[in-house]
Amino acid sequence: MNDQEIMPGRKLSEQEQIRVQKLDELKALGVEPFGKKFPPTHHSAELINLYENHSKEELDEMNVEVKVAGRIMTKRGKGKAGFMHIQDNDGQIQIYLRQDRLSELEFQLFDKADIGDIIGIKGTIFKTQTGEVSVKASEYHHLTKALKPLPEKFHGLQDEETKFRKRYLDIIMNREVKEIFLKKQKFWSTIRNFMIDHDFIEVETPILETSSGGAAATPFATHHNALDIDVFLRISMGELWQKKLLVAGFEKTFEIGRQFRNEGMSPEHLQDYTQMEFYWAYADFEDGMELTKELYRKVTQAVMGSSKFSTRGFDIDMDAEWEIYDFETIIEEKTGINIFNTTKEEMEKKLDALHVEYDPNIGFWRMVDVLWKVVRKDLSGPGFLVGQPVQLNPLPKRLDGDDRKVAQMQIILAGSEMGNGYTELNDPIDLEERFREQRVMGEEGDEEAHEHDETFIEALRYGMPPAYGFGVSERLFSVMMDRPIRECVLFPLMRPRG
């Protein structure tokens, strides 16, 4: 084969040319370069755990035969014998190969193999002189020829952009990266199982919507050709849809899925990410505080193996007593500003004094939100923020005893919001009035003002029971890992190369 047959329009490196030549050599030997199935009986970590405490003599006597498969990560040989490490889903295991235990073809295949090739080995478990659990090969199966070399072992991928673009290589070369995503699976499966164990029904709601309701965020817009209408990618995990299910008579629902917000990127924010939201009839935000506290403790134990972890310079213990932060009180304590007894000009002066960047054209209450996010950075948690102003969220019920505030809570952890829930507003008259206020805020330039959703108002007119709703995103997982959220996504969106 020549360069253009393998990679049209690109000249191959010397190493790539050698590997391409080996394709023809393999075919000449009657070996398919891209192989056949080879189901392993065991994985590396399983074998090491099973036999680490056995002596060499015990293993020889046991004569345990296994089949393993994986990618060649190291290879060394001299004369009639050699060693290699292959990497599978669980880690790496050493393979010992001798010419007198393999067929002539099999030893020739070992000799021609390159780092990165994928192989299958049948053999017996033994221990080397240094005590390493290994497999003594009795069969060698070529499974896949790697046409490009792996990154250099000790340096791996150094460029951050390349790590994201070629995440598969980053995972091959760095076990720690793979461990993150194994933990992430445990994160979401623990949440899903917790909700099911508490009698919540998992549902699916539309990703394409005709109005972007359910949150204060900027949506992605697109066009639906078949219906010839403009639509939006959802900005919440079916919030208004799940509330319609409460109207329908479902008492406990949840959804885990992707949602999309056309906003800025930061160590905490992505434009598309996974979120869970649940809705619980006949409950309120105080019930929700107890349930989510239990959920977070369970998730932390499952993912971290402990109630404690360190992140962003904070030492967190989820089993400790959770703090209660009152929105009005904590802002006044930290800044001297009482949000219900100040002016927009005073807010601007305070933000300027704190050297906070903000858009001077935003409304007063959005400035309050900016100030709160400054205050929040110093709060360790775990704790609950309560007493938020009604202007910042039109969807919760008002707080009993203080109509200026809503019955909402946010989970505060390591200086950030790590979950948001509230007692749902089920009064269609009150909600319609709040939507009108949000429309005014939007006309004044607030891009995050909620849209009026008449179909939801209509559903409420049929009667929705008192309820509590809550949402948490994968931001929580990234904080537990103490990494930017972009590093905790398998394939983050990248700008195409020119």
Protein backbone atom coordinates (compact mmCIF):
# COMPACT_ATOMS: atom_id res chain seq x y z
CA MET A 1 0.00 0.00 0.00
CA ASN A 2 1.16 3.58 -0.61
CA ASP A 3 0.66 6.78 1.40
CA GLN A 4 -2.33 7.99 -0.61
CA GLU A 5 -4.22 4.73 -0.18
CA ILE A 6 -3.86 4.96 3.61
CA MET A 7 -4.15 8.69 4.25
CA PRO A 8 -5.08 10.61 1.08
CA GLY A 9 -3.67 14.14 0.86
CA ARG A 10 -1.09 13.67 3.64
CA LYS A 11 2.52 12.50 3.58
CA LEU A 12 3.21 9.80 6.13
CA SER A 13 5.98 10.03 8.69
CA GLU A 14 8.79 7.47 8.62
CA GLN A 15 7.21 5.52 11.48
CA GLU A 16 3.83 5.53 9.76
CA GLN A 17 5.40 4.29 6.51
CA ILE A 18 6.98 1.34 8.38
CA ARG A 19 3.65 0.45 9.95
CA VAL A 20 1.88 0.61 6.60
CA GLN A 21 4.47 -1.74 5.12
CA LYS A 22 3.68 -4.20 7.91
CA LEU A 23 0.07 -4.38 6.70
CA ASP A 24 1.25 -6.11 3.53
CA GLU A 25 3.64 -8.28 5.54
CA LEU A 26 0.79 -9.44 7.78
CA LYS A 27 -1.39 -10.24 4.79
CA ALA A 28 1.47 -12.19 3.21
CA LEU A 29 1.59 -14.31 6.36
CA GLY A 30 -2.14 -14.95 6.07
CA VAL A 31 -2.98 -12.69 9.04
CA GLU A 32 -5.85 -10.17 8.88
CA PRO A 33 -4.35 -6.81 10.04
CA PHE A 34 -7.63 -5.73 11.62
CA GLY A 35 -8.45 -9.02 13.19
CA LYS A 36 -11.25 -11.14 14.52
CA LYS A 37 -13.05 -11.42 17.82
CA PHE A 38 -11.13 -12.63 20.86
CA PRO A 39 -13.30 -12.62 24.01
CA PRO A 40 -11.05 -12.36 27.09
CA THR A 41 -11.82 -14.44 30.16
CA HIS A 42 -10.28 -11.91 32.56
CA HIS A 43 -9.05 -8.33 32.80
CA SER A 44 -5.71 -7.18 34.16
CA ALA A 45 -6.75 -5.76 37.55
CA GLU A 46 -8.92 -8.79 38.24
CA LEU A 47 -6.01 -11.17 37.64
CA ILE A 48 -3.58 -9.15 39.72
CA ASN A 49 -6.06 -8.94 42.61
CA LEU A 50 -6.86 -12.64 42.40
CA TYR A 51 -3.29 -13.90 42.39
CA GLU A 52 -1.16 -11.21 44.03
CA ASN A 53 -1.09 -13.08 47.35
CA HIS A 54 -0.16 -16.45 45.86
CA SER A 55 3.45 -17.63 45.76
CA LYS A 56 5.27 -18.57 42.56
CA GLU A 57 5.10 -22.20 43.56
CA GLU A 58 1.37 -22.05 44.25
CA LEU A 59 0.70 -20.48 40.85
CA ASP A 60 2.81 -23.10 39.06
CA GLU A 61 0.87 -25.82 40.80
CA MET A 62 -2.51 -24.19 40.10
CA ASN A 63 -1.70 -23.83 36.37
CA VAL A 64 -4.48 -21.24 35.84
CA GLU A 65 -5.18 -20.69 32.14
CA VAL A 66 -6.59 -17.33 31.00
CA LYS A 67 -7.27 -15.23 27.91
CA VAL A 68 -6.43 -11.51 28.00
CA ALA A 69 -6.56 -8.82 25.32
CA GLY A 70 -5.36 -5.25 25.06
CA ARG A 71 -3.04 -2.65 23.56
CA ILE A 72 0.73 -3.14 23.63
CA MET A 73 2.20 -0.37 25.81
CA THR A 74 5.76 -1.70 26.31
CA LYS A 75 7.78 -4.31 24.48
CA ARG A 76 11.23 -5.70 24.95
CA GLY A 77 12.80 -8.87 23.66
CA LYS A 78 16.08 -10.54 22.99
CA GLY A 79 16.63 -13.70 21.01
CA LYS A 80 14.08 -16.36 21.84
CA ALA A 81 12.08 -14.58 24.57
CA GLY A 82 10.46 -11.25 25.35
CA PHE A 83 8.17 -9.26 27.62
CA MET A 84 5.39 -6.78 26.95
CA HIS A 85 2.70 -4.97 28.90
CA ILE A 86 -0.76 -4.84 27.45
CA GLN A 87 -3.39 -2.33 28.57
CA ASP A 88 -7.07 -3.24 28.85
CA ASN A 89 -10.13 -1.63 30.41
CA ASP A 90 -8.84 -2.09 33.96
CA GLY A 91 -5.10 -1.35 33.66
CA GLN A 92 -1.99 -3.21 32.52
CA ILE A 93 -0.59 -6.72 32.88
CA GLN A 94 2.77 -8.16 31.84
CA ILE A 95 3.04 -10.86 29.18
CA TYR A 96 6.01 -13.25 28.91
CA LEU A 97 6.64 -14.86 25.51
CA ARG A 98 9.03 -17.68 24.60
CA GLN A 99 9.72 -18.99 21.13
CA ASP A 100 9.49 -22.61 22.26
CA ARG A 101 5.95 -22.09 23.67
CA LEU A 102 4.53 -20.38 20.56
CA SER A 103 4.17 -21.41 16.95
CA GLU A 104 6.70 -20.06 14.47
CA LEU A 105 4.06 -17.68 13.08
CA GLU A 106 2.99 -16.46 16.52
CA PHE A 107 6.54 -15.62 17.60
CA GLN A 108 7.07 -13.87 14.26
CA LEU A 109 3.97 -11.78 14.92
CA PHE A 110 5.32 -10.81 18.34
CA ASP A 111 8.62 -9.87 16.75
CA LYS A 112 6.88 -7.64 14.18
CA ALA A 113 4.45 -6.05 16.66
CA ASP A 114 4.56 -2.32 17.38
CA ILE A 115 3.65 -0.32 20.46
CA GLY A 116 -0.03 0.48 20.10
CA ASP A 117 -1.02 -2.75 18.35
CA ILE A 118 -3.93 -4.63 19.93
CA ILE A 119 -3.39 -8.34 20.63
CA GLY A 120 -4.93 -11.33 22.38
CA ILE A 121 -2.99 -13.74 24.59
CA LYS A 122 -3.87 -17.17 25.91
CA GLY A 123 -1.61 -18.46 28.65
CA THR A 124 -1.10 -19.31 32.30
CA ILE A 125 -0.69 -17.09 35.34
CA PHE A 126 2.75 -16.98 36.96
CA LYS A 127 4.96 -14.65 38.96
CA THR A 128 8.29 -13.27 37.78
CA GLN A 129 11.44 -13.21 39.93
CA THR A 130 10.42 -9.70 41.01
CA GLY A 131 6.98 -10.95 42.10
CA GLU A 132 4.94 -9.39 39.29
CA VAL A 133 1.76 -11.27 38.36
CA SER A 134 2.09 -12.02 34.65
CA VAL A 135 0.75 -14.22 31.86
CA LYS A 136 3.03 -16.81 30.23
CA ALA A 137 1.82 -16.92 26.62
CA SER A 138 0.86 -20.17 24.94
CA GLU A 139 -1.04 -18.47 22.09
CA TYR A 140 -0.51 -15.07 20.44
CA HIS A 141 -3.32 -13.50 18.38
CA HIS A 142 -2.86 -10.33 16.33
CA LEU A 143 -6.09 -8.30 16.55
CA THR A 144 -5.50 -4.75 15.27
CA LYS A 145 -2.59 -3.00 13.58
CA ALA A 146 -1.99 0.56 14.82
CA LEU A 147 -0.99 2.72 11.83
CA LYS A 148 0.10 5.70 13.94
CA PRO A 149 2.50 5.63 16.91
CA LEU A 150 1.31 6.56 20.38
CA PRO A 151 2.65 9.73 22.06
CA GLU A 152 6.03 9.34 23.72
CA LYS A 153 5.51 7.44 26.97
CA PHE A 154 7.02 9.78 29.55
CA HIS A 155 5.71 13.04 28.16
CA GLY A 156 2.39 12.01 26.66
CA LEU A 157 0.16 14.79 25.37
CA GLN A 158 1.43 18.13 26.64
CA ASP A 159 -0.79 20.54 24.71
CA GLU A 160 -4.17 21.10 26.41
CA GLU A 161 -6.02 21.62 23.13
CA THR A 162 -4.62 18.39 21.70
CA LYS A 163 -5.73 16.54 24.83
CA PHE A 164 -9.31 17.62 24.19
CA ARG A 165 -9.20 17.06 20.42
CA LYS A 166 -7.63 13.62 20.81
CA ARG A 167 -9.16 12.59 24.10
CA TYR A 168 -8.80 8.93 23.14
CA LEU A 169 -5.00 9.32 23.23
CA ASP A 170 -5.15 11.19 26.53
CA ILE A 171 -7.11 8.29 28.02
CA ILE A 172 -4.72 5.68 26.59
CA MET A 173 -1.66 7.44 27.99
CA ASN A 174 -3.08 8.66 31.31
CA ARG A 175 -4.97 6.22 33.53
CA GLU A 176 -5.99 9.09 35.82
CA VAL A 177 -8.07 10.60 33.03
CA LYS A 178 -9.89 7.32 32.48
CA GLU A 179 -10.55 7.05 36.23
CA ILE A 180 -12.35 10.42 36.13
CA PHE A 181 -14.88 9.10 33.66
CA LEU A 182 -15.32 5.83 35.50
CA LYS A 183 -16.16 7.93 38.57
CA LYS A 184 -18.48 10.09 36.50
CA GLN A 185 -20.48 7.03 35.51
CA LYS A 186 -20.73 6.15 39.21
CA PHE A 187 -21.84 9.73 39.94
CA TRP A 188 -24.81 9.58 37.58
CA SER A 189 -25.76 5.96 38.29
CA THR A 190 -25.83 6.72 42.03
CA ILE A 191 -28.13 9.69 41.44
CA ARG A 192 -30.41 7.66 39.15
CA ASN A 193 -30.62 4.74 41.58
CA PHE A 194 -31.24 7.09 44.51
CA MET A 195 -34.19 8.71 42.75
CA ILE A 196 -35.67 5.35 41.72
CA ASP A 197 -35.20 4.00 45.26
CA HIS A 198 -37.21 7.00 46.50
CA ASP A 199 -40.10 6.15 44.13
CA PHE A 200 -39.40 8.78 41.46
CA ILE A 201 -40.29 7.85 37.87
CA GLU A 202 -37.70 8.61 35.18
CA VAL A 203 -39.20 10.54 32.25
CA GLU A 204 -38.08 12.01 28.93
CA THR A 205 -39.14 15.50 27.84
CA PRO A 206 -38.53 17.43 24.59
CA ILE A 207 -35.10 18.79 23.75
CA LEU A 208 -36.51 21.02 21.00
CA GLU A 209 -38.95 23.62 22.32
CA THR A 210 -40.96 26.44 20.75
CA SER A 211 -40.19 28.71 23.72
CA SER A 212 -37.16 28.63 26.02
CA GLY A 213 -38.78 28.32 29.43
CA GLY A 214 -37.79 26.95 32.79
CA ALA A 215 -34.63 28.94 33.54
CA ALA A 216 -32.89 32.30 33.24
CA ALA A 217 -30.50 31.61 30.37
CA THR A 218 -29.81 32.38 26.71
CA PRO A 219 -30.94 29.55 24.41
CA PHE A 220 -29.55 28.14 21.19
CA ALA A 221 -31.98 28.78 18.33
CA THR A 222 -32.44 26.69 15.21
CA HIS A 223 -35.07 26.05 12.52
CA HIS A 224 -37.31 23.01 12.18
CA ASN A 225 -37.60 22.48 8.43
CA ALA A 226 -40.48 20.01 8.41
CA LEU A 227 -42.75 22.27 10.50
CA ASP A 228 -41.14 25.49 9.19
CA ILE A 229 -40.85 26.97 12.70
CA ASP A 230 -38.03 28.38 14.79
CA VAL A 231 -37.22 26.27 17.84
CA PHE A 232 -34.82 26.35 20.80
CA LEU A 233 -32.63 23.74 22.43
CA ARG A 234 -33.86 23.33 25.99
CA ILE A 235 -32.23 25.37 28.74
CA SER A 236 -33.66 23.28 31.58
CA MET A 237 -34.19 19.57 32.15
CA GLY A 238 -37.82 19.69 31.11
CA GLU A 239 -38.87 21.89 34.02
CA LEU A 240 -42.16 23.10 32.59
CA TRP A 241 -42.87 19.71 31.02
CA GLN A 242 -42.30 17.89 34.30
CA LYS A 243 -44.64 20.33 36.04
CA LYS A 244 -47.27 19.52 33.42
CA LEU A 245 -46.80 15.90 34.46
CA LEU A 246 -47.59 16.98 38.04
CA VAL A 247 -50.83 18.41 36.66
CA ALA A 248 -51.38 15.05 34.92
CA GLY A 249 -51.14 13.19 38.22
CA PHE A 250 -47.55 11.97 38.33
CA GLU A 251 -46.38 12.73 41.88
CA LYS A 252 -42.62 12.10 41.56
CA THR A 253 -40.67 12.48 38.31
CA PHE A 254 -37.03 13.02 37.35
CA GLU A 255 -34.96 13.33 34.19
CA ILE A 256 -31.23 13.09 33.50
CA GLY A 257 -30.10 14.46 30.15
CA ARG A 258 -28.33 17.12 28.11
CA GLN A 259 -29.30 20.78 28.14
CA PHE A 260 -27.91 23.76 26.28
CA ARG A 261 -27.16 27.39 27.14
CA ASN A 262 -25.65 29.78 24.64
CA GLU A 263 -23.51 31.62 27.15
CA GLY A 264 -19.88 32.16 28.12
CA MET A 265 -17.31 29.48 28.91
CA SER A 266 -15.54 29.28 32.25
CA PRO A 267 -14.06 26.63 34.54
CA GLU A 268 -17.64 26.16 35.83
CA HIS A 269 -19.68 26.60 32.65
CA LEU A 270 -20.22 24.72 29.41
CA GLN A 271 -22.76 25.35 26.67
CA ASP A 272 -24.02 21.75 26.63
CA TYR A 273 -23.92 19.62 29.74
CA THR A 274 -25.76 16.95 31.71
CA GLN A 275 -28.30 17.86 34.37
CA MET A 276 -30.77 16.08 36.63
CA GLU A 277 -34.06 17.63 37.69
CA PHE A 278 -36.79 16.13 39.85
CA TYR A 279 -40.29 17.28 40.80
CA TRP A 280 -42.09 16.12 43.93
CA ALA A 281 -45.80 16.71 44.54
CA TYR A 282 -47.06 17.66 48.01
CA ALA A 283 -43.57 18.65 49.22
CA ASP A 284 -41.82 21.99 49.77
CA PHE A 285 -38.26 23.33 49.75
CA GLU A 286 -37.63 22.31 53.35
CA ASP A 287 -38.47 18.70 52.45
CA GLY A 288 -36.19 19.11 49.46
CA MET A 289 -33.32 20.28 51.64
CA GLU A 290 -33.44 17.05 53.63
CA LEU A 291 -33.73 14.82 50.54
CA THR A 292 -30.92 16.52 48.62
CA LYS A 293 -28.65 16.47 51.67
CA GLU A 294 -29.13 12.70 51.79
CA LEU A 295 -28.54 12.46 48.02
CA TYR A 296 -25.30 14.49 48.09
CA ARG A 297 -23.92 12.49 50.98
CA LYS A 298 -24.65 9.23 49.17
CA VAL A 299 -23.11 10.43 45.89
CA THR A 300 -19.98 11.72 47.63
CA GLN A 301 -19.45 8.41 49.42
CA ALA A 302 -19.95 6.45 46.18
CA VAL A 303 -17.63 8.60 44.06
CA MET A 304 -14.96 9.62 46.57
CA GLY A 305 -15.10 6.62 48.92
CA SER A 306 -15.49 9.05 51.83
CA SER A 307 -17.63 11.93 53.04
CA LYS A 308 -14.59 14.21 52.82
CA PHE A 309 -12.71 15.75 49.91
CA SER A 310 -10.63 18.85 49.18
CA THR A 311 -11.33 21.19 46.29
CA ARG A 312 -10.47 24.77 45.31
CA GLY A 313 -8.66 25.26 48.61
CA PHE A 314 -11.67 24.19 50.69
CA ASP A 315 -11.84 21.08 52.88
CA ILE A 316 -15.35 19.67 52.54
CA ASP A 317 -17.11 17.17 54.80
CA MET A 318 -20.56 16.28 53.54
CA ASP A 319 -21.41 14.56 56.82
CA ALA A 320 -20.83 17.79 58.78
CA GLU A 321 -23.70 20.05 59.82
CA TRP A 322 -24.87 22.03 56.77
CA GLU A 323 -24.85 25.83 57.03
CA ILE A 324 -27.88 28.05 56.34
CA TYR A 325 -27.03 31.26 54.45
CA ASP A 326 -29.74 33.94 54.21
CA PHE A 327 -29.38 35.90 50.95
CA GLU A 328 -30.16 39.35 52.40
CA THR A 329 -28.16 38.81 55.60
CA ILE A 330 -25.01 37.30 54.11
CA ILE A 331 -24.71 40.04 51.47
CA GLU A 332 -25.10 42.77 54.08
CA GLU A 333 -22.60 41.09 56.41
CA LYS A 334 -19.99 40.80 53.64
CA THR A 335 -20.55 44.11 51.78
CA GLY A 336 -22.57 46.47 53.98
CA ILE A 337 -25.28 46.61 51.28
CA ASN A 338 -28.89 45.84 52.15
CA ILE A 339 -30.40 44.76 48.84
CA PHE A 340 -33.90 45.89 49.80
CA ASN A 341 -32.76 49.33 50.96
CA THR A 342 -30.33 50.60 48.35
CA THR A 343 -30.19 52.11 44.86
CA LYS A 344 -28.72 51.06 41.55
CA GLU A 345 -26.12 53.82 41.90
CA GLU A 346 -24.97 52.47 45.27
CA MET A 347 -24.82 48.99 43.80
CA GLU A 348 -22.61 50.26 40.97
CA LYS A 349 -20.29 51.98 43.45
CA LYS A 350 -19.95 48.81 45.50
CA LEU A 351 -19.23 46.64 42.45
CA ASP A 352 -16.66 49.18 41.23
CA ALA A 353 -15.03 49.24 44.67
CA LEU A 354 -14.79 45.45 44.57
CA HIS A 355 -13.27 45.63 41.06
CA VAL A 356 -16.05 43.48 39.64
CA GLU A 357 -16.68 43.55 35.90
CA TYR A 358 -20.34 43.96 34.94
CA ASP A 359 -22.52 45.40 32.21
CA PRO A 360 -23.74 48.82 33.42
CA ASN A 361 -26.86 48.42 31.27
CA ILE A 362 -28.20 45.49 33.26
CA GLY A 363 -31.07 46.07 35.66
CA PHE A 364 -30.85 46.53 39.41
CA TRP A 365 -31.71 42.96 40.35
CA ARG A 366 -29.22 41.49 37.93
CA MET A 367 -26.61 43.66 39.67
CA VAL A 368 -27.72 42.16 42.97
CA ASP A 369 -27.08 38.73 41.47
CA VAL A 370 -23.59 39.83 40.38
CA LEU A 371 -22.85 41.05 43.92
CA TRP A 372 -24.11 37.79 45.42
CA LYS A 373 -21.76 35.78 43.20
CA VAL A 374 -18.85 37.81 44.59
CA VAL A 375 -19.94 37.07 48.16
CA ARG A 376 -20.50 33.39 47.37
CA LYS A 377 -16.86 32.77 46.42
CA ASP A 378 -15.74 32.77 50.08
CA LEU A 379 -18.39 30.34 51.35
CA SER A 380 -17.10 26.82 51.90
CA GLY A 381 -20.30 24.93 52.63
CA PRO A 382 -21.82 22.51 52.46
CA GLY A 383 -24.79 24.74 53.06
CA PHE A 384 -28.12 26.07 51.80
CA LEU A 385 -28.75 29.57 50.49
CA VAL A 386 -32.29 30.74 51.30
CA GLY A 387 -34.33 33.96 51.07
CA GLN A 388 -33.61 34.96 47.47
CA PRO A 389 -35.54 37.97 46.07
CA VAL A 390 -38.58 37.17 43.96
CA GLN A 391 -37.21 39.28 41.09
CA LEU A 392 -34.38 36.80 40.46
CA ASN A 393 -36.69 33.84 39.89
CA PRO A 394 -40.38 34.08 38.96
CA LEU A 395 -41.13 30.36 39.34
CA PRO A 396 -40.99 29.64 43.13
CA LYS A 397 -43.72 30.41 45.64
CA ARG A 398 -43.24 33.44 47.84
CA LEU A 399 -41.72 32.78 51.25
CA ASP A 400 -44.24 32.58 54.08
CA GLY A 401 -43.96 35.77 56.14
CA ASP A 402 -41.91 37.75 53.58
CA ASP A 403 -43.44 38.41 50.16
CA ARG A 404 -40.19 39.99 48.93
CA LYS A 405 -38.52 36.57 48.89
CA VAL A 406 -39.16 33.15 47.44
CA ALA A 407 -39.23 29.67 49.00
CA GLN A 408 -36.04 28.65 47.24
CA MET A 409 -32.79 27.01 48.27
CA GLN A 410 -29.45 26.65 46.53
CA ILE A 411 -26.72 24.27 47.65
CA ILE A 412 -23.47 26.13 48.26
CA LEU A 413 -20.21 24.22 48.02
CA ALA A 414 -16.65 25.50 47.59
CA GLY A 415 -17.79 29.01 46.66
CA SER A 416 -20.29 27.98 43.99
CA GLU A 417 -23.91 26.98 43.51
CA MET A 418 -24.13 23.19 43.32
CA GLY A 419 -27.86 22.68 43.00
CA ASN A 420 -31.05 24.72 42.98
CA GLY A 421 -34.54 23.92 44.23
CA TYR A 422 -37.73 25.62 45.33
CA THR A 423 -41.34 25.28 46.30
CA GLU A 424 -43.12 25.55 42.97
CA LEU A 425 -45.50 28.38 42.23
CA ASN A 426 -48.81 26.74 41.29
CA ASP A 427 -50.92 29.91 41.25
CA PRO A 428 -51.45 30.76 37.54
CA ILE A 429 -52.61 34.31 38.32
CA ASP A 430 -49.48 35.13 40.36
CA LEU A 431 -47.20 33.44 37.80
CA GLU A 432 -48.70 35.34 34.88
CA GLU A 433 -48.06 38.61 36.69
CA ARG A 434 -44.43 37.60 37.33
CA PHE A 435 -43.99 36.70 33.68
CA ARG A 436 -45.19 40.21 32.80
CA GLU A 437 -42.50 41.62 35.11
CA GLN A 438 -39.93 39.40 33.42
CA ARG A 439 -41.05 40.69 30.03
CA VAL A 440 -40.37 44.26 31.21
CA MET A 441 -36.92 43.19 32.45
CA GLY A 442 -36.27 41.66 29.02
CA GLU A 443 -37.35 44.82 27.23
CA GLU A 444 -34.91 46.73 29.44
CA GLY A 445 -32.05 44.57 28.17
CA ASP A 446 -31.97 41.62 30.57
CA GLU A 447 -31.08 38.72 28.24
CA GLU A 448 -31.69 36.19 31.05
CA ALA A 449 -35.26 37.23 31.78
CA HIS A 450 -37.75 34.34 31.67
CA GLU A 451 -40.01 33.99 28.66
CA HIS A 452 -43.78 33.98 29.07
CA ASP A 453 -45.11 30.45 28.42
CA GLU A 454 -48.87 30.53 27.90
CA THR A 455 -49.12 26.73 27.50
CA PHE A 456 -47.70 26.28 30.99
CA ILE A 457 -50.04 28.92 32.44
CA GLU A 458 -52.95 27.09 30.81
CA ALA A 459 -51.87 23.79 32.38
CA LEU A 460 -51.70 25.45 35.82
CA ARG A 461 -55.28 26.63 35.40
CA TYR A 462 -56.36 22.98 35.56
CA GLY A 463 -54.63 22.72 38.94
CA MET A 464 -51.12 21.61 39.90
CA PRO A 465 -50.59 20.23 43.41
CA PRO A 466 -48.18 22.00 45.80
CA ALA A 467 -44.75 20.70 44.82
CA TYR A 468 -40.99 21.00 45.09
CA GLY A 469 -38.51 20.95 42.19
CA PHE A 470 -34.72 20.60 42.18
CA GLY A 471 -31.88 20.49 39.67
CA VAL A 472 -28.16 19.64 39.78
CA SER A 473 -25.65 19.52 36.93
CA GLU A 474 -22.32 17.84 36.30
CA ARG A 475 -20.66 20.97 37.74
CA LEU A 476 -20.96 19.19 41.10
CA PHE A 477 -18.89 16.30 39.74
CA SER A 478 -16.17 18.61 38.40
CA VAL A 479 -15.87 20.28 41.80
CA MET A 480 -15.58 16.90 43.49
CA MET A 481 -12.75 16.10 41.05
CA ASP A 482 -11.23 19.58 41.69
CA ARG A 483 -10.91 20.15 37.95
CA PRO A 484 -12.40 22.60 35.44
CA ILE A 485 -15.66 21.22 34.08
CA ARG A 486 -14.20 21.02 30.56
CA GLU A 487 -11.71 18.39 31.76
CA CYS A 488 -14.59 16.31 33.09
CA VAL A 489 -16.31 15.98 29.71
CA LEU A 490 -15.20 13.17 27.41
CA PHE A 491 -15.41 15.19 24.20
CA PRO A 492 -15.83 18.95 24.82
CA LEU A 493 -16.85 21.11 21.88
CA MET A 494 -13.82 22.50 20.02
CA ARG A 495 -13.52 25.21 17.41
CA PRO A 496 -12.78 23.51 14.03
CA ARG A 497 -9.22 23.86 12.85
CA GLY A 498 -8.87 26.17 9.87
